[in-house]
Amino acid sequence: MEQDINIKIIDRDGVIHEVLAPTDMAMNLMEVVRSYELAPEGTIGVCGGMAMCSSCQCYVLTDHELPEMQDDEDAMLAEAFNVKDNSRLGCQIQMTPDMDGLEVELAPEI
């Protein structure tokens, strides 16, 4: 059953985008950002969503229960710049019905 969710993304210029994200396409947050072109091409998802870079780092502003951080994501954030307590890699946040209302801010480009 197809269901789109509403999420709010603050881009690197501070502009708020309220977008619809499909939950039936196995997309992650990084792919949603790319599909709406909310970051210049080549500046987000550089590794293709394999948690091998930190170009899709974002700050989670809502208290959604996210999947537990895996070792590869934790290691990548340990080496990233501008990391905060609420930092996550967008490629590791799947678009599911539970993510409806999610609000994130893209971390600055390094």
Protein backbone atom coordinates (compact mmCIF):
# COMPACT_ATOMS: atom_id res chain seq x y z
CA MET A 1 0.00 0.00 0.00
CA GLU A 2 1.41 3.30 -1.11
CA GLN A 3 1.82 6.00 1.52
CA ASP A 4 3.67 9.29 1.32
CA ILE A 5 4.89 11.00 4.47
CA ASN A 6 5.49 14.67 5.19
CA ILE A 7 8.99 15.65 6.19
CA LYS A 8 10.64 19.03 6.70
CA ILE A 9 14.19 19.58 5.49
CA ILE A 10 16.21 22.72 6.20
CA ASP A 11 18.79 23.07 3.45
CA ARG A 12 22.33 24.41 3.86
CA ASP A 13 21.10 27.95 3.13
CA GLY A 14 18.57 27.77 5.97
CA VAL A 15 15.56 27.44 3.63
CA ILE A 16 12.78 25.19 4.95
CA HIS A 17 11.34 22.67 2.49
CA GLU A 18 8.21 20.70 3.31
CA VAL A 19 8.27 17.66 1.04
CA LEU A 20 6.41 14.42 0.46
CA ALA A 21 8.53 11.29 0.71
CA PRO A 22 7.32 7.93 -0.58
CA THR A 23 7.45 4.99 1.80
CA ASP A 24 6.94 2.37 -0.89
CA MET A 25 10.21 2.87 -2.80
CA ALA A 26 12.78 1.90 -0.13
CA MET A 27 14.20 5.42 -0.22
CA ASN A 28 16.35 6.94 2.47
CA LEU A 29 16.56 10.58 3.53
CA MET A 30 19.66 11.25 1.42
CA GLU A 31 17.82 10.02 -1.69
CA VAL A 32 14.85 12.25 -0.88
CA VAL A 33 17.16 15.27 -0.58
CA ARG A 34 18.72 14.39 -3.94
CA SER A 35 15.38 13.80 -5.66
CA TYR A 36 14.15 17.26 -4.60
CA GLU A 37 17.55 18.79 -5.47
CA LEU A 38 17.88 20.38 -2.03
CA ALA A 39 21.69 20.30 -2.18
CA PRO A 40 23.96 20.96 -5.16
CA GLU A 41 24.76 17.83 -7.14
CA GLY A 42 27.98 16.21 -6.00
CA THR A 43 27.69 17.58 -2.45
CA ILE A 44 25.42 14.99 -0.88
CA GLY A 45 25.52 11.21 -1.08
CA VAL A 46 28.99 11.20 -2.58
CA CYS A 47 29.52 7.53 -1.66
CA GLY A 48 26.12 6.53 -3.01
CA GLY A 49 24.55 5.88 0.38
CA MET A 50 27.00 3.30 1.70
CA ALA A 51 27.84 5.18 4.96
CA MET A 52 31.37 5.66 3.64
CA CYS A 53 31.39 9.47 3.65
CA SER A 54 29.62 12.09 5.71
CA SER A 55 28.28 14.24 2.89
CA CYS A 56 24.66 13.44 3.86
CA GLN A 57 25.10 14.26 7.55
CA CYS A 58 22.05 15.92 8.99
CA TYR A 59 20.77 17.06 12.35
CA VAL A 60 17.55 15.37 13.46
CA LEU A 61 15.35 18.06 15.03
CA THR A 62 12.39 15.91 16.08
CA ASP A 63 12.27 13.09 18.61
CA HIS A 64 11.46 10.32 16.15
CA GLU A 65 12.67 6.89 17.12
CA LEU A 66 15.37 6.21 14.54
CA PRO A 67 17.01 2.88 13.78
CA GLU A 68 19.95 2.16 16.06
CA MET A 69 23.19 3.57 14.69
CA GLN A 70 25.32 0.84 13.14
CA ASP A 71 29.10 0.67 13.54
CA ASP A 72 29.87 2.03 10.06
CA GLU A 73 27.68 5.11 10.59
CA ASP A 74 29.12 5.69 14.06
CA ALA A 75 32.67 5.43 12.72
CA MET A 76 31.94 7.83 9.86
CA LEU A 77 30.43 10.44 12.19
CA ALA A 78 33.42 10.07 14.52
CA GLU A 79 35.60 11.41 11.68
CA ALA A 80 33.16 14.00 10.30
CA PHE A 81 33.15 17.76 10.80
CA ASN A 82 30.35 19.77 12.44
CA VAL A 83 29.01 16.72 14.31
CA LYS A 84 26.38 17.33 16.99
CA ASP A 85 24.60 15.05 19.44
CA ASN A 86 21.69 14.77 16.99
CA SER A 87 23.83 14.04 13.91
CA ARG A 88 22.92 11.11 11.67
CA LEU A 89 23.75 10.10 8.13
CA GLY A 90 20.74 10.66 5.90
CA CYS A 91 21.54 7.51 3.93
CA GLN A 92 20.84 5.47 7.06
CA ILE A 93 17.35 6.89 7.71
CA GLN A 94 14.78 4.91 5.73
CA MET A 95 11.52 6.55 4.73
CA THR A 96 8.87 4.56 6.60
CA PRO A 97 5.42 5.56 7.85
CA ASP A 98 6.97 6.05 11.31
CA MET A 99 9.08 8.92 9.92
CA ASP A 100 6.01 11.08 9.15
CA GLY A 101 6.65 14.59 10.51
CA LEU A 102 10.43 14.13 10.61
CA GLU A 103 12.36 17.41 10.66
CA VAL A 104 16.04 17.59 9.77
CA GLU A 105 18.66 20.18 8.95
CA LEU A 106 21.44 19.41 6.49
CA ALA A 107 24.89 19.78 8.04
CA PRO A 108 27.19 22.36 6.41
CA GLU A 109 29.15 21.20 3.40
CA ILE A 110 32.81 20.69 4.21
